[in-house]
Amino acid sequence: MNLPKDASLARWASKPADTRGRLHAEAPAPTRSDHQRDRDRIVHSSAFRRLVYKTQVFLNHEGDLFRTRLTHSLEVAQLGRSIARSLRLNEDLVEAICLAHDLGHTPFGHAGQDALNECMRDWGGFEHNLQSLRVVDRLEERYPGFDGLNLTFETREGILKHCSQANARRIEQREPGGIAQRFLRGEQPSLEAQLCNLADEIAYNAHDVDDGVRSGLISMEQLQAVPLFARYHALTLAQHPGLAARPHGARRLLYDTIRRMLSDQVYDVVAATETRLAEVDPADAQAVRTAGPLVGFSAQMRAESTALKRFLFQNLYRHPQVVQTTELAQTVVRELFAIYLERPQEMKPRFAERAQEAADATALARVACDFVAGMTDRYAAREHARLTGRQLLA
């Protein structure tokens, strides 16, 4: 048996034995906890494999070493596990949420998400957290007895990290007292879910610095204006004088700066969260929900992380080269969506069949949305070229 012992977890952690279970009852696995089982189902899902060809910042064809949604998710999970272990939280639950949090993301990163949301404006909109939930609840087709992956309440709640009141009410109607209830009550999710949200931020700030410098769109000289980067850059140079002048030294300097930045952010989160937990002293995992946000940075680290995020937005995400590619990617998404609304038979058979069964325009639009959202970058580009005769993304 390899079941985790609840006694090793803090009293405010989500205990495997206290899971609120699955939408469809299943017998427990003999060698895995329910949250370990969730993690394994996510890793074996089709949606998880597709993340390897979905954009983080740079499109898949722009370079082999840039992060994709898959490598991003793995880095988020690694950070999440490290912090969870220090805080004695449910590490398996953290890993499951981190690995699943981007399953519903579109091709072409946030550009694709924005374009698809615009396309769905008259039919309920599009939001990738909701789509990730839709993937694990319905769109995956692996089991004979139910749609989706049938994950536990705790994992599904962590995946749904943002939700409007309107969407929360719709989910609550389908699932009374379920994962959307906290948005209606103004409560917090589990500590594990809070941790995954922060690990996501830490990971993308760090790896976007790495990818941005690698791409040549931002430089280490520019990053000296960011206190969080500049401090650890100086520490590395102080311990390794002359490193930048050595062959390939600039690359080592960048890696070591990011490594130090990541490590201290992790230490900061652990210390700041332990302080808040000691002050609030929640009796159990349920008491966490009404205590306000507990997992987070110190005030200084939060300010420095926000400054880094602002720098990346202004200098990397809004760089003319990135914007130009973004506009082409959004054209691909918009035109594909329009084509599938007009000619649903162009979709893969199982989506075309769903389109035939659609009761109204809203249902048809959601089928087209599901199909486009599930595409990889290269599949979307290839399908767009096939259907329009124009090659927008080489």
Protein backbone atom coordinates (compact mmCIF):
# COMPACT_ATOMS: atom_id res chain seq x y z
CA MET A 1 0.00 0.00 0.00
CA ASN A 2 1.20 3.52 -0.84
CA LEU A 3 -1.57 5.59 0.70
CA PRO A 4 -0.46 8.88 2.31
CA LYS A 5 -0.93 9.16 6.04
CA ASP A 6 -3.22 12.01 7.03
CA ALA A 7 -1.27 12.34 10.28
CA SER A 8 1.71 13.71 8.34
CA LEU A 9 -0.39 16.67 7.14
CA ALA A 10 -1.11 19.91 8.97
CA ARG A 11 -4.58 20.03 10.54
CA TRP A 12 -5.68 22.70 8.05
CA ALA A 13 -4.56 20.66 5.01
CA SER A 14 -7.05 18.85 2.76
CA LYS A 15 -6.99 15.26 4.04
CA PRO A 16 -7.31 12.48 1.46
CA ALA A 17 -9.65 10.61 3.80
CA ASP A 18 -11.99 13.62 4.00
CA THR A 19 -12.49 14.06 0.26
CA ARG A 20 -15.98 15.12 -0.79
CA GLY A 21 -15.75 12.51 -3.49
CA ARG A 22 -16.58 12.37 -7.18
CA LEU A 23 -19.66 13.22 -9.22
CA HIS A 24 -19.91 9.53 -10.11
CA ALA A 25 -19.19 7.13 -7.23
CA GLU A 26 -16.25 4.81 -7.71
CA ALA A 27 -14.61 2.22 -5.51
CA PRO A 28 -11.33 3.46 -4.03
CA ALA A 29 -8.04 2.34 -5.56
CA PRO A 30 -6.07 -0.10 -3.37
CA THR A 31 -2.66 1.59 -3.73
CA ARG A 32 -3.46 5.27 -4.37
CA SER A 33 -5.35 8.01 -2.58
CA ASP A 34 -8.16 9.72 -4.49
CA HIS A 35 -5.95 12.75 -5.20
CA GLN A 36 -3.09 10.58 -6.47
CA ARG A 37 -5.63 8.92 -8.74
CA ASP A 38 -6.74 12.36 -9.99
CA ARG A 39 -3.16 13.25 -10.85
CA ASP A 40 -2.68 10.02 -12.79
CA ARG A 41 -5.90 10.52 -14.76
CA ILE A 42 -4.82 14.02 -15.70
CA VAL A 43 -1.38 12.90 -16.89
CA HIS A 44 -2.93 10.18 -19.08
CA SER A 45 -5.56 12.49 -20.59
CA SER A 46 -5.55 13.61 -24.22
CA ALA A 47 -5.90 17.25 -23.16
CA PHE A 48 -2.69 17.02 -21.11
CA ARG A 49 -0.71 15.65 -24.06
CA ARG A 50 -1.97 18.43 -26.32
CA LEU A 51 -0.41 21.03 -24.00
CA VAL A 52 3.02 20.21 -25.47
CA TYR A 53 1.97 22.00 -28.67
CA LYS A 54 0.13 24.93 -27.10
CA THR A 55 1.68 28.38 -26.73
CA GLN A 56 2.87 29.91 -23.49
CA VAL A 57 4.24 33.19 -24.91
CA PHE A 58 6.06 32.14 -28.09
CA LEU A 59 4.26 30.09 -30.72
CA ASN A 60 5.32 26.49 -31.05
CA HIS A 61 7.10 26.97 -34.38
CA GLU A 62 9.24 29.87 -33.11
CA GLY A 63 11.75 27.72 -31.24
CA ASP A 64 12.20 24.29 -29.70
CA LEU A 65 13.33 25.48 -26.26
CA PHE A 66 10.63 28.02 -25.41
CA ARG A 67 8.09 27.01 -22.79
CA THR A 68 4.83 25.47 -23.87
CA ARG A 69 1.69 24.97 -21.79
CA LEU A 70 2.96 21.51 -20.90
CA THR A 71 6.40 22.55 -19.64
CA HIS A 72 4.74 25.48 -17.85
CA SER A 73 2.34 23.10 -16.08
CA LEU A 74 5.23 20.85 -15.03
CA GLU A 75 7.14 23.82 -13.59
CA VAL A 76 4.04 25.00 -11.72
CA ALA A 77 3.60 21.50 -10.27
CA GLN A 78 7.24 21.34 -9.18
CA LEU A 79 7.00 24.67 -7.37
CA GLY A 80 3.65 23.73 -5.88
CA ARG A 81 4.94 20.43 -4.53
CA SER A 82 7.99 22.07 -2.97
CA ILE A 83 5.94 24.67 -1.13
CA ALA A 84 3.25 22.15 -0.13
CA ARG A 85 5.86 19.85 1.41
CA SER A 86 7.26 22.68 3.53
CA LEU A 87 3.78 23.73 4.70
CA ARG A 88 2.64 20.11 5.26
CA LEU A 89 -0.21 20.49 2.80
CA ASN A 90 -1.62 17.76 0.56
CA GLU A 91 1.14 17.48 -2.02
CA ASP A 92 -0.77 15.07 -4.26
CA LEU A 93 -3.76 17.41 -4.46
CA VAL A 94 -1.48 20.36 -5.26
CA GLU A 95 0.20 18.39 -8.04
CA ALA A 96 -3.15 17.35 -9.54
CA ILE A 97 -4.50 20.91 -9.60
CA CYS A 98 -1.26 22.35 -11.02
CA LEU A 99 -1.10 19.79 -13.81
CA ALA A 100 -4.75 20.36 -14.75
CA HIS A 101 -5.03 24.13 -14.42
CA ASP A 102 -4.39 24.85 -18.14
CA LEU A 103 -6.13 21.86 -19.74
CA GLY A 104 -8.76 24.15 -21.23
CA HIS A 105 -6.38 26.72 -22.64
CA THR A 106 -6.72 27.57 -26.32
CA PRO A 107 -4.05 27.38 -29.00
CA PHE A 108 -1.87 30.51 -29.21
CA GLY A 109 -1.98 31.34 -25.50
CA HIS A 110 -3.90 34.35 -24.24
CA ALA A 111 -4.26 35.63 -27.79
CA GLY A 112 -6.36 32.60 -28.64
CA GLN A 113 -8.34 32.92 -25.43
CA ASP A 114 -9.19 36.57 -26.11
CA ALA A 115 -10.21 35.80 -29.70
CA LEU A 116 -12.41 32.88 -28.70
CA ASN A 117 -14.05 34.93 -25.95
CA GLU A 118 -14.86 37.57 -28.57
CA CYS A 119 -16.29 34.88 -30.87
CA MET A 120 -18.48 33.55 -28.04
CA ARG A 121 -19.65 36.99 -26.90
CA ASP A 122 -23.30 36.29 -27.82
CA TRP A 123 -23.26 32.72 -26.50
CA GLY A 124 -21.92 32.92 -22.97
CA GLY A 125 -18.28 33.89 -23.60
CA PHE A 126 -15.14 31.82 -23.07
CA GLU A 127 -12.83 31.57 -20.05
CA HIS A 128 -10.06 29.01 -19.88
CA ASN A 129 -10.61 28.07 -16.22
CA LEU A 130 -14.20 27.17 -16.99
CA GLN A 131 -13.01 25.33 -20.09
CA SER A 132 -10.48 23.35 -18.04
CA LEU A 133 -13.35 22.27 -15.80
CA ARG A 134 -15.40 21.41 -18.88
CA VAL A 135 -12.53 19.26 -20.17
CA VAL A 136 -12.26 17.19 -16.98
CA ASP A 137 -16.03 17.02 -16.40
CA ARG A 138 -17.25 16.32 -19.92
CA LEU A 139 -14.94 16.52 -22.93
CA GLU A 140 -12.44 13.78 -22.12
CA GLU A 141 -13.78 10.43 -23.34
CA ARG A 142 -11.90 7.62 -21.63
CA TYR A 143 -14.33 5.76 -19.41
CA PRO A 144 -17.41 3.70 -20.32
CA GLY A 145 -19.47 4.79 -17.33
CA PHE A 146 -19.18 8.58 -17.50
CA ASP A 147 -17.93 11.56 -19.47
CA GLY A 148 -14.78 13.37 -18.41
CA LEU A 149 -12.23 12.20 -15.84
CA ASN A 150 -14.56 12.15 -12.82
CA LEU A 151 -12.06 13.97 -10.58
CA THR A 152 -12.62 14.68 -6.90
CA PHE A 153 -14.36 17.78 -5.63
CA GLU A 154 -11.08 19.16 -4.26
CA THR A 155 -9.23 18.94 -7.58
CA ARG A 156 -12.15 20.34 -9.55
CA GLU A 157 -12.52 23.23 -7.11
CA GLY A 158 -8.83 24.07 -7.52
CA ILE A 159 -9.12 24.05 -11.31
CA LEU A 160 -11.95 26.60 -11.13
CA LYS A 161 -9.85 29.36 -9.64
CA HIS A 162 -11.89 32.23 -11.18
CA CYS A 163 -15.60 32.37 -11.87
CA SER A 164 -18.10 35.17 -12.47
CA GLN A 165 -21.25 35.33 -10.38
CA ALA A 166 -23.36 34.49 -13.44
CA ASN A 167 -21.30 31.41 -14.24
CA ALA A 168 -21.22 30.41 -10.58
CA ARG A 169 -25.02 30.49 -10.44
CA ARG A 170 -25.24 28.32 -13.55
CA ILE A 171 -22.83 25.77 -12.09
CA GLU A 172 -24.66 25.85 -8.76
CA GLN A 173 -27.91 24.96 -10.52
CA ARG A 174 -26.29 21.88 -12.02
CA GLU A 175 -24.34 20.99 -8.89
CA PRO A 176 -26.04 22.37 -5.74
CA GLY A 177 -23.58 22.96 -2.91
CA GLY A 178 -20.70 22.12 -5.24
CA ILE A 179 -17.55 23.75 -6.50
CA ALA A 180 -19.14 27.10 -7.40
CA GLN A 181 -20.69 27.70 -4.00
CA ARG A 182 -17.63 29.48 -2.63
CA PHE A 183 -17.92 32.21 -5.28
CA LEU A 184 -21.52 32.86 -4.24
CA ARG A 185 -20.60 32.94 -0.54
CA GLY A 186 -17.41 34.95 -0.98
CA GLU A 187 -15.30 32.19 0.58
CA GLN A 188 -11.82 30.88 -0.15
CA PRO A 189 -10.87 27.52 -1.64
CA SER A 190 -8.55 25.04 0.07
CA LEU A 191 -5.01 26.05 0.95
CA GLU A 192 -3.85 23.68 -1.78
CA ALA A 193 -5.91 25.54 -4.39
CA GLN A 194 -4.63 28.90 -3.12
CA LEU A 195 -1.07 27.57 -3.39
CA CYS A 196 -1.53 26.42 -6.99
CA ASN A 197 -2.72 29.87 -8.01
CA LEU A 198 0.42 31.46 -6.57
CA ALA A 199 2.77 28.77 -7.96
CA ASP A 200 1.34 29.55 -11.42
CA GLU A 201 2.32 33.21 -11.03
CA ILE A 202 5.80 32.45 -9.70
CA ALA A 203 6.49 30.00 -12.52
CA TYR A 204 5.39 32.15 -15.44
CA ASN A 205 7.16 35.27 -14.18
CA ALA A 206 10.43 33.34 -13.95
CA HIS A 207 10.26 31.36 -17.16
CA ASP A 208 9.00 34.31 -19.19
CA VAL A 209 12.13 36.19 -18.13
CA ASP A 210 14.21 33.24 -19.37
CA ASP A 211 12.31 32.89 -22.65
CA GLY A 212 12.21 36.64 -23.17
CA VAL A 213 16.00 36.98 -22.89
CA ARG A 214 16.56 33.83 -24.97
CA SER A 215 14.36 35.30 -27.72
CA GLY A 216 16.30 38.57 -27.73
CA LEU A 217 13.13 40.61 -27.14
CA ILE A 218 14.27 41.73 -23.69
CA SER A 219 17.78 41.99 -22.25
CA MET A 220 19.42 41.59 -18.86
CA GLU A 221 20.34 45.27 -19.09
CA GLN A 222 16.64 46.16 -19.27
CA LEU A 223 15.91 43.84 -16.38
CA GLN A 224 18.22 45.84 -14.12
CA ALA A 225 15.25 48.20 -13.72
CA VAL A 226 13.33 45.39 -11.98
CA PRO A 227 14.39 45.19 -8.30
CA LEU A 228 13.52 41.49 -7.94
CA PHE A 229 15.81 40.57 -10.84
CA ALA A 230 18.52 43.14 -10.20
CA ARG A 231 19.06 42.01 -6.59
CA TYR A 232 19.77 38.37 -7.45
CA HIS A 233 21.73 39.32 -10.56
CA ALA A 234 24.06 41.35 -8.32
CA LEU A 235 24.36 38.49 -5.81
CA THR A 236 25.41 36.08 -8.54
CA LEU A 237 28.06 38.49 -9.86
CA ALA A 238 29.33 39.13 -6.33
CA GLN A 239 29.89 35.40 -5.80
CA HIS A 240 31.18 34.75 -9.34
CA PRO A 241 33.13 37.84 -10.47
CA GLY A 242 33.82 37.89 -14.17
CA LEU A 243 31.13 35.34 -14.94
CA ALA A 244 29.51 37.51 -17.62
CA ALA A 245 32.81 37.76 -19.53
CA ARG A 246 33.36 33.98 -19.69
CA PRO A 247 32.31 31.98 -22.78
CA HIS A 248 28.57 31.37 -22.43
CA GLY A 249 28.79 33.13 -19.06
CA ALA A 250 25.79 35.33 -19.78
CA ARG A 251 23.57 32.26 -20.03
CA ARG A 252 24.88 30.91 -16.70
CA LEU A 253 24.39 34.34 -15.15
CA LEU A 254 20.77 34.44 -16.28
CA TYR A 255 20.04 30.90 -15.04
CA ASP A 256 21.60 31.53 -11.66
CA THR A 257 19.76 34.83 -11.24
CA ILE A 258 16.42 33.14 -11.99
CA ARG A 259 17.29 30.21 -9.70
CA ARG A 260 17.97 32.56 -6.79
CA MET A 261 14.83 34.55 -7.57
CA LEU A 262 12.70 31.41 -7.56
CA SER A 263 14.23 30.05 -4.37
CA ASP A 264 13.71 33.22 -2.37
CA GLN A 265 10.14 33.56 -3.61
CA VAL A 266 9.46 30.03 -2.38
CA TYR A 267 11.06 30.78 1.00
CA ASP A 268 9.07 34.00 1.23
CA VAL A 269 5.76 32.25 0.51
CA VAL A 270 6.47 29.57 3.11
CA ALA A 271 7.43 32.11 5.81
CA ALA A 272 4.60 34.55 5.08
CA THR A 273 2.00 31.78 4.91
CA GLU A 274 3.21 30.19 8.15
CA THR A 275 2.86 33.58 9.84
CA ARG A 276 -0.72 34.02 8.63
CA LEU A 277 -1.67 30.49 9.62
CA ALA A 278 -0.23 31.02 13.11
CA GLU A 279 -2.26 34.22 13.47
CA VAL A 280 -5.55 32.76 12.22
CA ASP A 281 -4.96 29.25 13.60
CA PRO A 282 -7.72 27.52 11.59
CA ALA A 283 -9.12 24.43 13.26
CA ASP A 284 -9.26 22.39 10.08
CA ALA A 285 -9.49 22.58 6.30
CA GLN A 286 -13.07 23.80 6.43
CA ALA A 287 -12.15 26.74 8.71
CA VAL A 288 -9.72 27.95 6.02
CA ARG A 289 -12.64 28.86 3.77
CA THR A 290 -13.87 31.76 5.88
CA ALA A 291 -10.45 33.00 6.96
CA GLY A 292 -9.57 35.08 3.91
CA PRO A 293 -6.56 34.42 1.65
CA LEU A 294 -3.77 32.74 3.62
CA VAL A 295 -1.23 31.52 1.05
CA GLY A 296 0.77 34.41 -0.33
CA PHE A 297 3.89 36.55 -0.42
CA SER A 298 5.03 39.04 2.17
CA ALA A 299 4.07 42.62 1.36
CA GLN A 300 7.54 43.42 -0.01
CA MET A 301 7.75 40.33 -2.21
CA ARG A 302 4.23 40.93 -3.50
CA ALA A 303 5.21 44.46 -4.56
CA GLU A 304 8.40 43.20 -6.26
CA SER A 305 6.57 40.37 -8.04
CA THR A 306 3.96 42.84 -9.30
CA ALA A 307 6.72 45.11 -10.61
CA LEU A 308 8.24 42.18 -12.52
CA LYS A 309 4.85 41.28 -13.96
CA ARG A 310 4.35 44.89 -15.07
CA PHE A 311 7.77 44.92 -16.74
CA LEU A 312 7.02 41.72 -18.65
CA PHE A 313 3.67 43.04 -19.82
CA GLN A 314 5.14 46.28 -21.12
CA ASN A 315 8.37 44.92 -22.62
CA LEU A 316 7.64 41.32 -23.62
CA TYR A 317 3.92 40.62 -24.00
CA ARG A 318 3.38 43.96 -25.77
CA HIS A 319 6.60 43.78 -27.81
CA PRO A 320 5.82 44.59 -31.48
CA GLN A 321 7.05 41.18 -32.62
CA VAL A 322 4.81 39.37 -30.14
CA VAL A 323 1.86 41.64 -30.96
CA GLN A 324 2.25 40.98 -34.69
CA THR A 325 2.17 37.21 -34.15
CA THR A 326 -0.73 37.62 -31.72
CA GLU A 327 -2.83 39.38 -34.32
CA LEU A 328 -2.22 36.63 -36.87
CA ALA A 329 -3.07 33.96 -34.31
CA GLN A 330 -6.32 35.72 -33.39
CA THR A 331 -7.28 35.87 -37.06
CA VAL A 332 -6.78 32.11 -37.30
CA VAL A 333 -9.03 31.48 -34.28
CA ARG A 334 -11.77 33.86 -35.38
CA GLU A 335 -11.89 32.54 -38.93
CA LEU A 336 -11.86 28.89 -37.84
CA PHE A 337 -14.75 29.53 -35.45
CA ALA A 338 -16.78 31.26 -38.17
CA ILE A 339 -16.16 28.43 -40.62
CA TYR A 340 -17.24 25.76 -38.14
CA LEU A 341 -20.44 27.66 -37.35
CA GLU A 342 -21.27 27.80 -41.04
CA ARG A 343 -19.93 24.34 -41.97
CA PRO A 344 -19.88 22.16 -38.83
CA GLN A 345 -19.20 19.08 -40.95
CA GLU A 346 -15.60 20.37 -41.28
CA MET A 347 -14.99 19.51 -37.61
CA LYS A 348 -13.79 16.09 -36.50
CA PRO A 349 -16.59 13.48 -36.56
CA ARG A 350 -17.46 13.47 -32.86
CA PHE A 351 -17.80 17.26 -32.85
CA ALA A 352 -19.70 17.26 -36.14
CA GLU A 353 -22.11 14.74 -34.61
CA ARG A 354 -22.59 16.95 -31.55
CA ALA A 355 -23.22 19.90 -33.88
CA GLN A 356 -25.97 17.94 -35.65
CA GLU A 357 -27.59 17.27 -32.28
CA ALA A 358 -27.32 20.92 -31.11
CA ALA A 359 -30.73 22.23 -30.06
CA ASP A 360 -30.03 25.88 -30.85
CA ALA A 361 -27.42 28.41 -31.95
CA THR A 362 -25.91 28.60 -28.45
CA ALA A 363 -25.35 24.85 -28.32
CA LEU A 364 -23.84 24.86 -31.82
CA ALA A 365 -21.50 27.71 -30.91
CA ARG A 366 -20.35 25.84 -27.80
CA VAL A 367 -19.48 22.78 -29.90
CA ALA A 368 -17.39 24.92 -32.25
CA CYS A 369 -15.79 26.60 -29.23
CA ASP A 370 -14.89 23.24 -27.67
CA PHE A 371 -13.31 22.09 -30.94
CA VAL A 372 -11.22 25.23 -31.46
CA ALA A 373 -10.19 25.45 -27.80
CA GLY A 374 -8.87 21.88 -27.89
CA MET A 375 -6.61 22.48 -30.87
CA THR A 376 -2.85 22.67 -30.69
CA ASP A 377 -1.10 25.62 -32.33
CA ARG A 378 0.08 23.64 -35.32
CA TYR A 379 -3.24 21.84 -35.86
CA ALA A 380 -5.10 25.16 -35.81
CA ALA A 381 -2.63 26.69 -38.29
CA ARG A 382 -2.86 23.64 -40.55
CA GLU A 383 -6.68 23.53 -40.45
CA HIS A 384 -6.90 27.25 -41.15
CA ALA A 385 -4.63 26.86 -44.19
CA ARG A 386 -6.68 23.89 -45.42
CA LEU A 387 -10.01 25.68 -45.06
CA THR A 388 -9.00 29.16 -46.27
CA GLY A 389 -6.08 28.51 -48.61
CA ARG A 390 -3.99 31.09 -46.66
CA GLN A 391 -0.88 30.26 -44.65
CA LEU A 392 -0.78 32.91 -41.91
CA LEU A 393 1.57 31.16 -39.50
CA ALA A 394 4.62 29.50 -41.04
